[in-house]
Structures are given as structure tokens and as C-alpha cells.
Amino acid sequence: MASTMGFMVLIVYTKRGCWWCDDLLSFLRAKSIPFEEREVLSNPTYFKEMVELSGQTKAPTVLIDDKVYADTDKEEIESILKAYL
């Protein structure tokens, strides 16, 4: 069953102290877009998962359904989400 936003999964892999991560999270919260945050510096399992999905170690990395957007930012994700909203 899809969410009311048109996608089923939105996971944001973040790192503490990452300005781009904070900017993206603020945008998602301001727009009331449902997401799951996975902070990778304090959780080795999430870090490994992010690397396996994206092939790199930079954040934010975003998973929307089965598509991975590695080392992304608010502007790119905002543009992508327009197709879902």
C-alpha cells in the first residue's frame, strides 16, 4: 500500500553535523513529508547499509522506493519529490 505521498519508502541517511543533511531534514519536516532518518555515524549497521546501497560514504544519501540518490541535497530531492506530490 503506497503512502499518501505517492511513494512507499523514503529513507534519509545522514551524518551528525552535516549541513546538507540538516537542510534536507528541515525541508522534509516543513513540507510534512514522511521519512525515516538513519544516522550513520552512530550506527555501523546503517553506515554499512548506506555504502551497500550507494557505493559511497557521503551523506545525505536518500532512498525513495527502489531509487538511491547518493551525496544529494535539498534541491535535488525537492525536484525529485515534485513527481510524487
PDB file of N, CA and C in Angstrom:
ATOM      1  N   MET A   1       0.840  -1.184   0.000  1.00  0.00           N
ATOM      2  CA  MET A   1       0.000   0.000   0.000  1.00  0.00           C
ATOM      3  C   MET A   1       0.880   1.240   0.000  1.00  0.00           C
ATOM      4  N   ALA A   2       0.722   2.122  -0.945  1.00  0.00           N
ATOM      5  CA  ALA A   2       1.518   3.332  -1.069  1.00  0.00           C
ATOM      6  C   ALA A   2       1.113   4.351  -0.017  1.00  0.00           C
ATOM      7  N   SER A   3       2.058   5.205   0.357  1.00  0.00           N
ATOM      8  CA  SER A   3       1.722   6.289   1.268  1.00  0.00           C
ATOM      9  C   SER A   3       0.872   7.307   0.524  1.00  0.00           C
ATOM     10  N   THR A   4       0.325   8.249   1.241  1.00  0.00           N
ATOM     11  CA  THR A   4      -0.490   9.291   0.609  1.00  0.00           C
ATOM     12  C   THR A   4       0.363  10.222  -0.229  1.00  0.00           C
ATOM     13  N   MET A   5       1.669  10.122  -0.134  1.00  0.00           N
ATOM     14  CA  MET A   5       2.563  10.970  -0.905  1.00  0.00           C
ATOM     15  C   MET A   5       2.899  10.368  -2.271  1.00  0.00           C
ATOM     16  N   GLY A   6       2.483   9.148  -2.545  1.00  0.00           N
ATOM     17  CA  GLY A   6       2.759   8.545  -3.841  1.00  0.00           C
ATOM     18  C   GLY A   6       3.980   7.649  -3.861  1.00  0.00           C
ATOM     19  N   PHE A   7       4.690   7.565  -2.758  1.00  0.00           N
ATOM     20  CA  PHE A   7       5.813   6.640  -2.650  1.00  0.00           C
ATOM     21  C   PHE A   7       5.623   5.824  -1.384  1.00  0.00           C
ATOM     22  N   MET A   8       6.290   4.687  -1.315  1.00  0.00           N
ATOM     23  CA  MET A   8       6.143   3.812  -0.154  1.00  0.00           C
ATOM     24  C   MET A   8       7.254   4.011   0.873  1.00  0.00           C
ATOM     25  N   VAL A   9       8.473   4.289   0.407  1.00  0.00           N
ATOM     26  CA  VAL A   9       9.637   4.371   1.286  1.00  0.00           C
ATOM     27  C   VAL A   9      10.422   5.647   0.979  1.00  0.00           C
ATOM     28  N   LEU A  10      10.768   6.379   2.026  1.00  0.00           N
ATOM     29  CA  LEU A  10      11.704   7.492   1.904  1.00  0.00           C
ATOM     30  C   LEU A  10      12.611   7.415   3.129  1.00  0.00           C
ATOM     31  N   ILE A  11      13.850   7.011   2.892  1.00  0.00           N
ATOM     32  CA  ILE A  11      14.843   6.887   3.957  1.00  0.00           C
ATOM     33  C   ILE A  11      15.961   7.869   3.668  1.00  0.00           C
ATOM     34  N   VAL A  12      16.339   8.632   4.696  1.00  0.00           N
ATOM     35  CA  VAL A  12      17.413   9.612   4.566  1.00  0.00           C
ATOM     36  C   VAL A  12      18.565   9.167   5.466  1.00  0.00           C
ATOM     37  N   TYR A  13      19.697   8.849   4.851  1.00  0.00           N
ATOM     38  CA  TYR A  13      20.914   8.506   5.584  1.00  0.00           C
ATOM     39  C   TYR A  13      21.661   9.803   5.841  1.00  0.00           C
ATOM     40  N   THR A  14      21.917  10.098   7.116  1.00  0.00           N
ATOM     41  CA  THR A  14      22.516  11.372   7.500  1.00  0.00           C
ATOM     42  C   THR A  14      23.758  11.159   8.352  1.00  0.00           C
ATOM     43  N   LYS A  15      24.510  12.259   8.533  1.00  0.00           N
ATOM     44  CA  LYS A  15      25.635  12.301   9.455  1.00  0.00           C
ATOM     45  C   LYS A  15      25.460  13.520  10.353  1.00  0.00           C
ATOM     46  N   ARG A  16      25.700  13.331  11.655  1.00  0.00           N
ATOM     47  CA  ARG A  16      25.662  14.461  12.589  1.00  0.00           C
ATOM     48  C   ARG A  16      26.609  15.554  12.117  1.00  0.00           C
ATOM     49  N   GLY A  17      26.149  16.800  12.215  1.00  0.00           N
ATOM     50  CA  GLY A  17      26.997  17.920  11.850  1.00  0.00           C
ATOM     51  C   GLY A  17      27.048  18.218  10.361  1.00  0.00           C
ATOM     52  N   CYS A  18      26.319  17.479   9.576  1.00  0.00           N
ATOM     53  CA  CYS A  18      26.293  17.678   8.118  1.00  0.00           C
ATOM     54  C   CYS A  18      25.251  18.742   7.768  1.00  0.00           C
ATOM     55  N   TRP A  19      25.715  19.881   7.290  1.00  0.00           N
ATOM     56  CA  TRP A  19      24.815  20.987   6.958  1.00  0.00           C
ATOM     57  C   TRP A  19      23.809  20.583   5.884  1.00  0.00           C
ATOM     58  N   TRP A  20      24.249  19.851   4.866  1.00  0.00           N
ATOM     59  CA  TRP A  20      23.349  19.430   3.784  1.00  0.00           C
ATOM     60  C   TRP A  20      22.272  18.481   4.307  1.00  0.00           C
ATOM     61  N   CYS A  21      22.654  17.634   5.249  1.00  0.00           N
ATOM     62  CA  CYS A  21      21.683  16.716   5.869  1.00  0.00           C
ATOM     63  C   CYS A  21      20.633  17.511   6.644  1.00  0.00           C
ATOM     64  N   ASP A  22      21.096  18.463   7.465  1.00  0.00           N
ATOM     65  CA  ASP A  22      20.173  19.279   8.260  1.00  0.00           C
ATOM     66  C   ASP A  22      19.225  20.065   7.364  1.00  0.00           C
ATOM     67  N   ASP A  23      19.739  20.597   6.277  1.00  0.00           N
ATOM     68  CA  ASP A  23      18.922  21.363   5.331  1.00  0.00           C
ATOM     69  C   ASP A  23      17.833  20.482   4.719  1.00  0.00           C
ATOM     70  N   LEU A  24      18.201  19.283   4.312  1.00  0.00           N
ATOM     71  CA  LEU A  24      17.237  18.355   3.721  1.00  0.00           C
ATOM     72  C   LEU A  24      16.186  17.934   4.750  1.00  0.00           C
ATOM     73  N   LEU A  25      16.606  17.602   5.968  1.00  0.00           N
ATOM     74  CA  LEU A  25      15.659  17.204   7.009  1.00  0.00           C
ATOM     75  C   LEU A  25      14.690  18.338   7.334  1.00  0.00           C
ATOM     76  N   SER A  26      15.177  19.557   7.405  1.00  0.00           N
ATOM     77  CA  SER A  26      14.304  20.714   7.668  1.00  0.00           C
ATOM     78  C   SER A  26      13.268  20.872   6.569  1.00  0.00           C
ATOM     79  N   PHE A  27      13.683  20.699   5.331  1.00  0.00           N
ATOM     80  CA  PHE A  27      12.757  20.782   4.202  1.00  0.00           C
ATOM     81  C   PHE A  27      11.664  19.717   4.304  1.00  0.00           C
ATOM     82  N   LEU A  28      12.061  18.470   4.546  1.00  0.00           N
ATOM     83  CA  LEU A  28      11.088  17.381   4.623  1.00  0.00           C
ATOM     84  C   LEU A  28      10.096  17.614   5.764  1.00  0.00           C
ATOM     85  N   ARG A  29      10.597  18.064   6.905  1.00  0.00           N
ATOM     86  CA  ARG A  29       9.713  18.337   8.046  1.00  0.00           C
ATOM     87  C   ARG A  29       8.772  19.502   7.744  1.00  0.00           C
ATOM     88  N   ALA A  30       9.286  20.557   7.137  1.00  0.00           N
ATOM     89  CA  ALA A  30       8.465  21.730   6.825  1.00  0.00           C
ATOM     90  C   ALA A  30       7.334  21.390   5.864  1.00  0.00           C
ATOM     91  N   LYS A  31       7.588  20.445   4.971  1.00  0.00           N
ATOM     92  CA  LYS A  31       6.578  20.026   3.986  1.00  0.00           C
ATOM     93  C   LYS A  31       5.735  18.852   4.484  1.00  0.00           C
ATOM     94  N   SER A  32       5.983  18.418   5.716  1.00  0.00           N
ATOM     95  CA  SER A  32       5.262  17.278   6.313  1.00  0.00           C
ATOM     96  C   SER A  32       5.353  16.022   5.448  1.00  0.00           C
ATOM     97  N   ILE A  33       6.531  15.810   4.887  1.00  0.00           N
ATOM     98  CA  ILE A  33       6.775  14.633   4.063  1.00  0.00           C
ATOM     99  C   ILE A  33       7.286  13.519   4.978  1.00  0.00           C
ATOM    100  N   PRO A  34       6.603  12.379   4.999  1.00  0.00           N
ATOM    101  CA  PRO A  34       7.029  11.296   5.900  1.00  0.00           C
ATOM    102  C   PRO A  34       8.343  10.659   5.426  1.00  0.00           C
ATOM    103  N   PHE A  35       9.243  10.448   6.378  1.00  0.00           N
ATOM    104  CA  PHE A  35      10.533   9.844   6.067  1.00  0.00           C
ATOM    105  C   PHE A  35      11.075   9.175   7.311  1.00  0.00           C
ATOM    106  N   GLU A  36      12.068   8.324   7.090  1.00  0.00           N
ATOM    107  CA  GLU A  36      12.810   7.710   8.190  1.00  0.00           C
ATOM    108  C   GLU A  36      14.242   8.196   8.108  1.00  0.00           C
ATOM    109  N   GLU A  37      14.753   8.747   9.203  1.00  0.00           N
ATOM    110  CA  GLU A  37      16.148   9.167   9.240  1.00  0.00           C
ATOM    111  C   GLU A  37      17.000   8.033   9.797  1.00  0.00           C
ATOM    112  N   ARG A  38      18.139   7.793   9.158  1.00  0.00           N
ATOM    113  CA  ARG A  38      19.107   6.800   9.634  1.00  0.00           C
ATOM    114  C   ARG A  38      20.464   7.488   9.738  1.00  0.00           C
ATOM    115  N   GLU A  39      20.854   7.800  10.967  1.00  0.00           N
ATOM    116  CA  GLU A  39      22.103   8.499  11.228  1.00  0.00           C
ATOM    117  C   GLU A  39      23.231   7.472  11.219  1.00  0.00           C
ATOM    118  N   VAL A  40      24.169   7.632  10.298  1.00  0.00           N
ATOM    119  CA  VAL A  40      25.145   6.575  10.017  1.00  0.00           C
ATOM    120  C   VAL A  40      26.411   6.620  10.872  1.00  0.00           C
ATOM    121  N   LEU A  41      26.748   7.753  11.454  1.00  0.00           N
ATOM    122  CA  LEU A  41      27.978   7.815  12.259  1.00  0.00           C
ATOM    123  C   LEU A  41      27.829   7.075  13.577  1.00  0.00           C
ATOM    124  N   SER A  42      26.630   7.082  14.146  1.00  0.00           N
ATOM    125  CA  SER A  42      26.412   6.416  15.430  1.00  0.00           C
ATOM    126  C   SER A  42      25.878   4.990  15.276  1.00  0.00           C
ATOM    127  N   ASN A  43      25.618   4.583  14.021  1.00  0.00           N
ATOM    128  CA  ASN A  43      25.051   3.259  13.803  1.00  0.00           C
ATOM    129  C   ASN A  43      25.790   2.562  12.651  1.00  0.00           C
ATOM    130  N   PRO A  44      26.748   1.678  12.976  1.00  0.00           N
ATOM    131  CA  PRO A  44      27.528   0.996  11.937  1.00  0.00           C
ATOM    132  C   PRO A  44      26.671   0.187  10.958  1.00  0.00           C
ATOM    133  N   THR A  45      25.547  -0.329  11.418  1.00  0.00           N
ATOM    134  CA  THR A  45      24.659  -1.086  10.537  1.00  0.00           C
ATOM    135  C   THR A  45      24.084  -0.172   9.460  1.00  0.00           C
ATOM    136  N   TYR A  46      23.646   1.026   9.855  1.00  0.00           N
ATOM    137  CA  TYR A  46      23.117   1.984   8.876  1.00  0.00           C
ATOM    138  C   TYR A  46      24.216   2.445   7.924  1.00  0.00           C
ATOM    139  N   PHE A  47      25.438   2.648   8.448  1.00  0.00           N
ATOM    140  CA  PHE A  47      26.544   3.062   7.593  1.00  0.00           C
ATOM    141  C   PHE A  47      26.819   2.004   6.527  1.00  0.00           C
ATOM    142  N   LYS A  48      26.898   0.754   6.936  1.00  0.00           N
ATOM    143  CA  LYS A  48      27.139  -0.350   6.002  1.00  0.00           C
ATOM    144  C   LYS A  48      26.014  -0.436   4.967  1.00  0.00           C
ATOM    145  N   GLU A  49      24.787  -0.284   5.431  1.00  0.00           N
ATOM    146  CA  GLU A  49      23.625  -0.323   4.539  1.00  0.00           C
ATOM    147  C   GLU A  49      23.714   0.787   3.488  1.00  0.00           C
ATOM    148  N   MET A  50      24.066   2.019   3.927  1.00  0.00           N
ATOM    149  CA  MET A  50      24.187   3.140   3.001  1.00  0.00           C
ATOM    150  C   MET A  50      25.266   2.874   1.952  1.00  0.00           C
ATOM    151  N   VAL A  51      26.405   2.358   2.381  1.00  0.00           N
ATOM    152  CA  VAL A  51      27.501   2.072   1.458  1.00  0.00           C
ATOM    153  C   VAL A  51      27.102   0.980   0.460  1.00  0.00           C
ATOM    154  N   GLU A  52      26.429  -0.056   0.945  1.00  0.00           N
ATOM    155  CA  GLU A  52      25.991  -1.136   0.049  1.00  0.00           C
ATOM    156  C   GLU A  52      24.974  -0.641  -0.970  1.00  0.00           C
ATOM    157  N   LEU A  53      24.076   0.239  -0.546  1.00  0.00           N
ATOM    158  CA  LEU A  53      23.059   0.781  -1.467  1.00  0.00           C
ATOM    159  C   LEU A  53      23.649   1.739  -2.492  1.00  0.00           C
ATOM    160  N   SER A  54      24.577   2.593  -2.035  1.00  0.00           N
ATOM    161  CA  SER A  54      25.020   3.708  -2.874  1.00  0.00           C
ATOM    162  C   SER A  54      26.427   3.573  -3.433  1.00  0.00           C
ATOM    163  N   GLY A  55      27.230   2.680  -2.864  1.00  0.00           N
ATOM    164  CA  GLY A  55      28.600   2.528  -3.334  1.00  0.00           C
ATOM    165  C   GLY A  55      29.515   3.661  -2.906  1.00  0.00           C
ATOM    166  N   GLN A  56      29.105   4.437  -1.898  1.00  0.00           N
ATOM    167  CA  GLN A  56      29.925   5.559  -1.442  1.00  0.00           C
ATOM    168  C   GLN A  56      29.600   5.848   0.027  1.00  0.00           C
ATOM    169  N   THR A  57      30.322   6.813   0.624  1.00  0.00           N
ATOM    170  CA  THR A  57      30.195   7.066   2.061  1.00  0.00           C
ATOM    171  C   THR A  57      29.658   8.450   2.403  1.00  0.00           C
ATOM    172  N   LYS A  58      29.211   9.202   1.431  1.00  0.00           N
ATOM    173  CA  LYS A  58      28.794  10.583   1.679  1.00  0.00           C
ATOM    174  C   LYS A  58      27.305  10.681   1.996  1.00  0.00           C
ATOM    175  N   ALA A  59      26.978  11.719   2.766  1.00  0.00           N
ATOM    176  CA  ALA A  59      25.591  11.970   3.141  1.00  0.00           C
ATOM    177  C   ALA A  59      25.252  13.430   2.829  1.00  0.00           C
ATOM    178  N   PRO A  60      23.990  13.725   2.611  1.00  0.00           N
ATOM    179  CA  PRO A  60      22.884  12.782   2.702  1.00  0.00           C
ATOM    180  C   PRO A  60      22.797  11.864   1.488  1.00  0.00           C
ATOM    181  N   THR A  61      22.379  10.664   1.769  1.00  0.00           N
ATOM    182  CA  THR A  61      22.016   9.700   0.746  1.00  0.00           C
ATOM    183  C   THR A  61      20.559   9.359   0.993  1.00  0.00           C
ATOM    184  N   VAL A  62      19.768   9.338  -0.077  1.00  0.00           N
ATOM    185  CA  VAL A  62      18.328   9.168   0.065  1.00  0.00           C
ATOM    186  C   VAL A  62      17.863   7.975  -0.762  1.00  0.00           C
ATOM    187  N   LEU A  63      17.005   7.182  -0.153  1.00  0.00           N
ATOM    188  CA  LEU A  63      16.354   6.065  -0.828  1.00  0.00           C
ATOM    189  C   LEU A  63      14.876   6.403  -0.949  1.00  0.00           C
ATOM    190  N   ILE A  64      14.381   6.487  -2.185  1.00  0.00           N
ATOM    191  CA  ILE A  64      12.955   6.692  -2.446  1.00  0.00           C
ATOM    192  C   ILE A  64      12.492   5.461  -3.203  1.00  0.00           C
ATOM    193  N   ASP A  65      11.679   4.649  -2.517  1.00  0.00           N
ATOM    194  CA  ASP A  65      11.290   3.335  -3.024  1.00  0.00           C
ATOM    195  C   ASP A  65      12.554   2.559  -3.383  1.00  0.00           C
ATOM    196  N   ASP A  66      12.805   2.257  -4.645  1.00  0.00           N
ATOM    197  CA  ASP A  66      13.990   1.471  -5.008  1.00  0.00           C
ATOM    198  C   ASP A  66      15.068   2.310  -5.689  1.00  0.00           C
ATOM    199  N   LYS A  67      14.959   3.640  -5.614  1.00  0.00           N
ATOM    200  CA  LYS A  67      15.945   4.516  -6.257  1.00  0.00           C
ATOM    201  C   LYS A  67      16.816   5.184  -5.199  1.00  0.00           C
ATOM    202  N   VAL A  68      18.137   5.159  -5.432  1.00  0.00           N
ATOM    203  CA  VAL A  68      19.096   5.725  -4.497  1.00  0.00           C
ATOM    204  C   VAL A  68      19.661   7.015  -5.082  1.00  0.00           C
ATOM    205  N   TYR A  69      19.691   8.055  -4.243  1.00  0.00           N
ATOM    206  CA  TYR A  69      20.270   9.340  -4.614  1.00  0.00           C
ATOM    207  C   TYR A  69      21.423   9.589  -3.650  1.00  0.00           C
ATOM    208  N   ALA A  70      22.644   9.346  -4.129  1.00  0.00           N
ATOM    209  CA  ALA A  70      23.834   9.407  -3.290  1.00  0.00           C
ATOM    210  C   ALA A  70      24.410  10.814  -3.263  1.00  0.00           C
ATOM    211  N   ASP A  71      24.903  11.215  -2.072  1.00  0.00           N
ATOM    212  CA  ASP A  71      25.557  12.514  -1.905  1.00  0.00           C
ATOM    213  C   ASP A  71      24.701  13.613  -2.523  1.00  0.00           C
ATOM    214  N   THR A  72      23.457  13.678  -2.104  1.00  0.00           N
ATOM    215  CA  THR A  72      22.470  14.572  -2.691  1.00  0.00           C
ATOM    216  C   THR A  72      22.285  15.815  -1.825  1.00  0.00           C
ATOM    217  N   ASP A  73      21.291  16.621  -2.146  1.00  0.00           N
ATOM    218  CA  ASP A  73      20.978  17.799  -1.342  1.00  0.00           C
ATOM    219  C   ASP A  73      19.489  18.116  -1.442  1.00  0.00           C
ATOM    220  N   LYS A  74      19.073  19.126  -0.705  1.00  0.00           N
ATOM    221  CA  LYS A  74      17.662  19.508  -0.646  1.00  0.00           C
ATOM    222  C   LYS A  74      17.101  19.818  -2.027  1.00  0.00           C
ATOM    223  N   GLU A  75      17.831  20.557  -2.824  1.00  0.00           N
ATOM    224  CA  GLU A  75      17.328  20.980  -4.132  1.00  0.00           C
ATOM    225  C   GLU A  75      17.044  19.781  -5.037  1.00  0.00           C
ATOM    226  N   GLU A  76      17.955  18.814  -5.071  1.00  0.00           N
ATOM    227  CA  GLU A  76      17.741  17.641  -5.916  1.00  0.00           C
ATOM    228  C   GLU A  76      16.538  16.829  -5.432  1.00  0.00           C
ATOM    229  N   ILE A  77      16.447  16.605  -4.126  1.00  0.00           N
ATOM    230  CA  ILE A  77      15.349  15.799  -3.593  1.00  0.00           C
ATOM    231  C   ILE A  77      14.016  16.545  -3.749  1.00  0.00           C
ATOM    232  N   GLU A  78      14.022  17.841  -3.565  1.00  0.00           N
ATOM    233  CA  GLU A  78      12.797  18.631  -3.771  1.00  0.00           C
ATOM    234  C   GLU A  78      12.308  18.470  -5.205  1.00  0.00           C
ATOM    235  N   SER A  79      13.206  18.540  -6.152  1.00  0.00           N
ATOM    236  CA  SER A  79      12.864  18.386  -7.564  1.00  0.00           C
ATOM    237  C   SER A  79      12.308  16.982  -7.841  1.00  0.00           C
ATOM    238  N   ILE A  80      12.946  15.966  -7.283  1.00  0.00           N
ATOM    239  CA  ILE A  80      12.512  14.586  -7.490  1.00  0.00           C
ATOM    240  C   ILE A  80      11.137  14.346  -6.881  1.00  0.00           C
ATOM    241  N   LEU A  81      10.919  14.893  -5.690  1.00  0.00           N
ATOM    242  CA  LEU A  81       9.648  14.662  -4.997  1.00  0.00           C
ATOM    243  C   LEU A  81       8.459  15.343  -5.663  1.00  0.00           C
ATOM    244  N   LYS A  82       8.707  16.342  -6.482  1.00  0.00           N
ATOM    245  CA  LYS A  82       7.610  17.003  -7.201  1.00  0.00           C
ATOM    246  C   LYS A  82       6.825  16.005  -8.032  1.00  0.00           C
ATOM    247  N   ALA A  83       7.469  14.968  -8.517  1.00  0.00           N
ATOM    248  CA  ALA A  83       6.784  13.948  -9.314  1.00  0.00           C
ATOM    249  C   ALA A  83       5.828  13.109  -8.452  1.00  0.00           C
ATOM    250  N   TYR A  84       6.086  13.084  -7.135  1.00  0.00           N
ATOM    251  CA  TYR A  84       5.278  12.270  -6.236  1.00  0.00           C
ATOM    252  C   TYR A  84       4.160  13.069  -5.565  1.00  0.00           C
ATOM    253  N   LEU A  85       4.335  14.377  -5.465  1.00  0.00           N
ATOM    254  CA  LEU A  85       3.394  15.198  -4.696  1.00  0.00           C
ATOM    255  C   LEU A  85       2.286  15.782  -5.546  1.00  0.00           C
TER     256      LEU A  85
END
